[in-house]
Amino acid sequence: MSHRRNTDAAVILFGDRVTESELKVDTGYARIFVNPADEDWLSDMCAPLHIELIHP
């Protein structure tokens, strides 16, 4: 955990100890940022952190 924000936990996966078959994609959480709704979601998530998205 971060010493600044110790409410969140991080998970570290070591490639020599985790096989691909042990992982799966959570399709309910996935985002496609070319989709305007998903891009808005990302922008909303970044705003409180004072991160500005710059579009190409």
Protein backbone atom coordinates (compact mmCIF):
# COMPACT_ATOMS: atom_id res chain seq x y z
CA MET A 1 0.00 0.00 0.00
CA SER A 2 1.03 3.55 -0.57
CA HIS A 3 2.08 5.53 2.49
CA ARG A 4 0.12 8.48 1.10
CA ARG A 5 -3.06 6.64 0.26
CA ASN A 6 -3.17 3.50 2.32
CA THR A 7 -6.82 2.76 1.51
CA ASP A 8 -5.91 0.96 -1.72
CA ALA A 9 -4.03 -2.26 -2.24
CA ALA A 10 -1.82 -3.29 -5.14
CA VAL A 11 -1.34 -6.77 -6.55
CA ILE A 12 1.96 -7.82 -8.06
CA LEU A 13 2.00 -10.80 -10.40
CA PHE A 14 5.31 -12.45 -11.21
CA GLY A 15 5.42 -13.86 -14.73
CA ASP A 16 7.42 -16.91 -13.72
CA ARG A 17 4.80 -17.85 -11.09
CA VAL A 18 1.51 -17.06 -12.84
CA THR A 19 0.41 -18.77 -16.03
CA GLU A 20 -1.81 -17.17 -18.65
CA SER A 21 -4.51 -19.75 -17.96
CA GLU A 22 -4.81 -18.45 -14.37
CA LEU A 23 -5.84 -14.98 -15.57
CA LYS A 24 -8.99 -13.86 -17.35
CA VAL A 25 -10.28 -10.55 -18.68
CA ASP A 26 -13.18 -9.01 -16.81
CA THR A 27 -15.30 -7.91 -19.77
CA GLY A 28 -17.66 -6.01 -17.47
CA TYR A 29 -14.82 -3.65 -16.55
CA ALA A 30 -13.12 -3.27 -19.92
CA ARG A 31 -13.20 0.11 -21.71
CA ILE A 32 -12.63 1.01 -25.35
CA PHE A 33 -11.41 4.59 -25.46
CA VAL A 34 -12.37 5.21 -29.08
CA ASN A 35 -15.95 4.93 -27.82
CA PRO A 36 -17.04 8.47 -26.73
CA ALA A 37 -18.85 7.13 -23.65
CA ASP A 38 -15.73 5.31 -22.46
CA GLU A 39 -13.57 8.34 -23.20
CA ASP A 40 -15.91 10.46 -21.06
CA TRP A 41 -15.63 7.85 -18.29
CA LEU A 42 -11.83 8.10 -18.39
CA SER A 43 -11.95 11.88 -18.35
CA ASP A 44 -14.30 11.83 -15.35
CA MET A 45 -12.00 9.41 -13.52
CA CYS A 46 -8.93 11.59 -14.19
CA ALA A 47 -10.47 14.98 -13.37
CA PRO A 48 -10.25 14.72 -9.55
CA LEU A 49 -6.59 13.79 -9.94
CA HIS A 50 -5.97 16.93 -12.04
CA ILE A 51 -5.00 14.81 -15.05
CA GLU A 52 -6.00 16.31 -18.38
CA LEU A 53 -6.56 14.13 -21.41
CA ILE A 54 -5.03 15.43 -24.63
CA HIS A 55 -6.69 14.05 -27.74
CA PRO A 56 -4.63 13.39 -30.85
